[in-house]
N, C-alpha and C. Protein backbone atom coordinates (compact mmCIF):
# COMPACT_ATOMS: atom_id res chain seq x y z
N MET A 1 14.26 118.66 117.38
CA MET A 1 15.19 119.76 117.26
C MET A 1 14.92 120.47 115.94
N SER A 2 15.06 121.77 115.95
CA SER A 2 14.83 122.52 114.71
C SER A 2 16.07 123.32 114.35
N THR A 3 16.21 123.55 113.07
CA THR A 3 17.31 124.34 112.54
C THR A 3 16.73 125.34 111.56
N ILE A 4 17.16 126.56 111.66
CA ILE A 4 16.71 127.58 110.73
C ILE A 4 17.69 127.62 109.58
N LEU A 5 17.15 127.63 108.39
CA LEU A 5 17.97 127.57 107.19
C LEU A 5 17.57 128.68 106.24
N GLU A 6 18.53 129.49 105.84
CA GLU A 6 18.25 130.55 104.88
C GLU A 6 18.91 130.17 103.56
N LEU A 7 18.09 130.08 102.53
CA LEU A 7 18.58 129.68 101.22
C LEU A 7 18.65 130.88 100.29
N PRO A 8 19.60 130.87 99.37
CA PRO A 8 19.60 131.90 98.34
C PRO A 8 18.30 131.79 97.53
N LYS A 9 17.82 132.91 97.04
CA LYS A 9 16.53 132.95 96.35
C LYS A 9 16.45 131.93 95.21
N GLU A 10 17.50 131.86 94.39
CA GLU A 10 17.50 130.95 93.24
C GLU A 10 17.35 129.49 93.70
N LEU A 11 18.06 129.11 94.75
CA LEU A 11 17.98 127.75 95.26
C LEU A 11 16.60 127.47 95.85
N ASP A 12 16.04 128.46 96.54
CA ASP A 12 14.71 128.30 97.12
C ASP A 12 13.66 128.12 96.02
N LEU A 13 13.81 128.84 94.91
CA LEU A 13 12.87 128.69 93.80
C LEU A 13 12.95 127.28 93.19
N LYS A 14 14.16 126.79 93.03
CA LYS A 14 14.33 125.43 92.50
C LYS A 14 13.72 124.40 93.45
N LEU A 15 13.96 124.61 94.73
CA LEU A 15 13.40 123.70 95.75
C LEU A 15 11.88 123.74 95.70
N GLU A 16 11.32 124.92 95.55
CA GLU A 16 9.86 125.08 95.45
C GLU A 16 9.32 124.32 94.25
N GLN A 17 10.00 124.40 93.10
CA GLN A 17 9.56 123.69 91.89
C GLN A 17 9.56 122.18 92.11
N ILE A 18 10.61 121.68 92.76
CA ILE A 18 10.69 120.24 93.03
C ILE A 18 9.60 119.82 94.01
N ALA A 19 9.39 120.64 95.03
CA ALA A 19 8.36 120.34 96.03
C ALA A 19 6.98 120.24 95.38
N ILE A 20 6.71 121.15 94.47
CA ILE A 20 5.41 121.12 93.77
C ILE A 20 5.31 119.89 92.89
N SER A 21 6.36 119.60 92.13
CA SER A 21 6.30 118.46 91.20
C SER A 21 6.22 117.12 91.93
N GLU A 22 6.82 117.04 93.11
CA GLU A 22 6.79 115.78 93.87
C GLU A 22 5.68 115.75 94.91
N LYS A 23 4.95 116.86 95.01
CA LYS A 23 3.86 116.97 95.99
C LYS A 23 4.34 116.66 97.40
N LYS A 24 5.46 117.28 97.76
CA LYS A 24 6.06 117.12 99.09
C LYS A 24 6.36 118.50 99.64
N PRO A 25 6.36 118.62 100.96
CA PRO A 25 6.78 119.90 101.53
C PRO A 25 8.30 120.09 101.35
N LYS A 26 8.71 121.34 101.29
CA LYS A 26 10.13 121.64 101.08
C LYS A 26 11.00 121.00 102.17
N PHE A 27 10.52 121.02 103.42
CA PHE A 27 11.34 120.47 104.50
C PHE A 27 11.62 118.98 104.30
N ALA A 28 10.66 118.25 103.69
CA ALA A 28 10.85 116.81 103.46
C ALA A 28 11.96 116.59 102.42
N ILE A 29 11.99 117.44 101.40
CA ILE A 29 13.02 117.32 100.37
C ILE A 29 14.39 117.67 100.96
N ILE A 30 14.42 118.69 101.80
CA ILE A 30 15.68 119.07 102.45
C ILE A 30 16.16 117.94 103.36
N GLN A 31 15.26 117.33 104.11
CA GLN A 31 15.65 116.21 104.98
C GLN A 31 16.20 115.04 104.17
N GLU A 32 15.51 114.68 103.08
CA GLU A 32 15.99 113.59 102.23
C GLU A 32 17.37 113.90 101.65
N SER A 33 17.52 115.14 101.22
CA SER A 33 18.80 115.55 100.63
C SER A 33 19.93 115.48 101.64
N LEU A 34 19.68 115.99 102.84
CA LEU A 34 20.72 115.95 103.88
C LEU A 34 21.04 114.52 104.30
N ASP A 35 20.00 113.70 104.39
CA ASP A 35 20.22 112.30 104.75
C ASP A 35 21.11 111.61 103.72
N PHE A 36 20.80 111.82 102.44
CA PHE A 36 21.61 111.25 101.36
C PHE A 36 23.04 111.76 101.42
N TYR A 37 23.21 113.06 101.58
CA TYR A 37 24.54 113.69 101.63
C TYR A 37 25.37 113.14 102.79
N ILE A 38 24.76 113.05 103.95
CA ILE A 38 25.48 112.56 105.13
C ILE A 38 25.87 111.10 104.97
N LYS A 39 24.97 110.28 104.43
CA LYS A 39 25.30 108.87 104.20
C LYS A 39 26.46 108.73 103.23
N GLN A 40 26.47 109.55 102.17
CA GLN A 40 27.57 109.52 101.20
C GLN A 40 28.89 109.88 101.88
N LYS A 41 28.87 110.92 102.70
CA LYS A 41 30.09 111.37 103.37
C LYS A 41 30.60 110.33 104.37
N LEU A 42 29.70 109.70 105.10
CA LEU A 42 30.11 108.73 106.11
C LEU A 42 30.62 107.44 105.48
N ASN A 43 30.13 107.11 104.30
CA ASN A 43 30.53 105.87 103.62
C ASN A 43 31.57 106.11 102.54
N PHE A 44 32.13 107.30 102.50
CA PHE A 44 33.09 107.65 101.45
C PHE A 44 34.32 106.76 101.53
N LYS A 45 34.72 106.26 100.39
CA LYS A 45 35.95 105.49 100.29
C LYS A 45 36.78 106.10 99.17
N SER A 46 38.05 106.29 99.44
CA SER A 46 38.94 106.85 98.43
C SER A 46 39.14 105.82 97.32
N PRO A 47 39.60 106.28 96.15
CA PRO A 47 39.88 105.32 95.06
C PRO A 47 40.85 104.23 95.51
N PHE A 48 41.82 104.58 96.34
CA PHE A 48 42.77 103.57 96.82
C PHE A 48 42.05 102.52 97.66
N GLU A 49 41.16 102.96 98.56
CA GLU A 49 40.43 102.01 99.40
C GLU A 49 39.54 101.09 98.56
N LEU A 50 38.92 101.65 97.52
CA LEU A 50 38.07 100.84 96.65
C LEU A 50 38.84 99.77 95.89
N GLY A 51 40.08 100.07 95.52
CA GLY A 51 40.87 99.12 94.73
C GLY A 51 41.90 98.34 95.52
N ARG A 52 41.94 98.54 96.83
CA ARG A 52 42.97 97.91 97.67
C ARG A 52 43.12 96.41 97.43
N LYS A 53 41.99 95.70 97.29
CA LYS A 53 42.05 94.24 97.11
C LYS A 53 42.61 93.85 95.75
N LEU A 54 42.55 94.77 94.80
CA LEU A 54 43.00 94.46 93.45
C LEU A 54 44.46 94.81 93.20
N PHE A 55 44.99 95.77 93.94
CA PHE A 55 46.36 96.21 93.72
C PHE A 55 47.35 95.11 94.05
N GLY A 56 48.21 94.81 93.11
CA GLY A 56 49.25 93.80 93.31
C GLY A 56 48.75 92.38 93.24
N ARG A 57 47.50 92.21 92.94
CA ARG A 57 46.90 90.87 92.91
C ARG A 57 47.55 89.98 91.87
N ASN A 58 47.86 90.52 90.73
CA ASN A 58 48.50 89.75 89.67
C ASN A 58 49.91 90.29 89.44
N GLY A 59 50.59 90.51 90.52
CA GLY A 59 51.90 91.14 90.46
C GLY A 59 52.96 90.29 89.79
N SER A 60 54.03 90.95 89.43
CA SER A 60 55.14 90.29 88.74
C SER A 60 56.09 89.62 89.72
N GLY A 61 55.95 89.98 91.00
CA GLY A 61 56.88 89.45 91.98
C GLY A 61 58.14 90.30 92.10
N ARG A 62 58.22 91.32 91.27
CA ARG A 62 59.37 92.22 91.30
C ARG A 62 58.99 93.48 92.06
N GLY A 63 59.78 93.84 93.02
CA GLY A 63 59.51 95.04 93.79
C GLY A 63 60.17 96.28 93.24
N ASP A 64 60.89 96.14 92.12
CA ASP A 64 61.65 97.28 91.59
C ASP A 64 61.05 97.86 90.30
N LEU A 65 59.87 97.45 89.93
CA LEU A 65 59.32 97.89 88.64
C LEU A 65 59.12 99.39 88.55
N SER A 66 58.66 100.00 89.61
CA SER A 66 58.42 101.44 89.53
C SER A 66 59.71 102.23 89.44
N VAL A 67 60.77 101.70 89.97
CA VAL A 67 62.06 102.39 89.95
C VAL A 67 62.84 102.09 88.68
N ASN A 68 62.77 100.85 88.21
CA ASN A 68 63.60 100.42 87.08
C ASN A 68 62.80 100.07 85.83
N ALA A 69 61.62 100.61 85.69
CA ALA A 69 60.75 100.25 84.56
C ALA A 69 61.43 100.50 83.22
N GLU A 70 62.08 101.63 83.09
CA GLU A 70 62.69 101.98 81.80
C GLU A 70 63.80 101.00 81.42
N SER A 71 64.69 100.68 82.35
CA SER A 71 65.79 99.76 82.02
C SER A 71 65.28 98.33 81.79
N ILE A 72 64.26 97.92 82.52
CA ILE A 72 63.68 96.59 82.33
C ILE A 72 63.07 96.49 80.93
N LEU A 73 62.34 97.54 80.53
CA LEU A 73 61.74 97.55 79.20
C LEU A 73 62.81 97.54 78.12
N ARG A 74 63.85 98.32 78.30
CA ARG A 74 64.94 98.37 77.33
C ARG A 74 65.58 96.99 77.17
N LYS A 75 65.82 96.29 78.27
CA LYS A 75 66.41 94.94 78.22
C LYS A 75 65.50 93.98 77.46
N ARG A 76 64.20 94.06 77.72
CA ARG A 76 63.27 93.16 77.04
C ARG A 76 63.21 93.43 75.55
N LEU A 77 63.22 94.71 75.19
CA LEU A 77 63.20 95.06 73.76
C LEU A 77 64.48 94.60 73.06
N ASN A 78 65.61 94.77 73.71
CA ASN A 78 66.88 94.32 73.14
C ASN A 78 66.89 92.80 72.99
N ALA A 79 66.34 92.10 73.96
CA ALA A 79 66.30 90.64 73.89
C ALA A 79 65.44 90.18 72.71
N LYS A 80 64.34 90.89 72.45
CA LYS A 80 63.48 90.53 71.31
C LYS A 80 64.19 90.81 69.99
N LYS A 81 64.95 91.89 69.93
CA LYS A 81 65.67 92.24 68.71
C LYS A 81 66.67 91.15 68.35
N HIS A 82 67.35 90.63 69.35
CA HIS A 82 68.42 89.66 69.13
C HIS A 82 67.95 88.21 69.10
N SER A 83 66.68 88.00 69.21
CA SER A 83 66.20 86.61 69.17
C SER A 83 65.66 86.22 67.83
């Protein structure tokens, strides 16, 4: 199967420079580039997916920290002051 591709002049010049330096035809560089791009897109994982196994791993056991963080911190600081 073939696809016709029209590149902006500046991009085509850069591609030509790379093709010359690597001694490869331009179509080979385009194929490699597309292959790399598609693999990256298909294997993309969000930051959440990458860290999923780590989140909550060393948790405090408290489910209210995000809601009550300020009051919890205040209580701990007061306890240190009075000890």
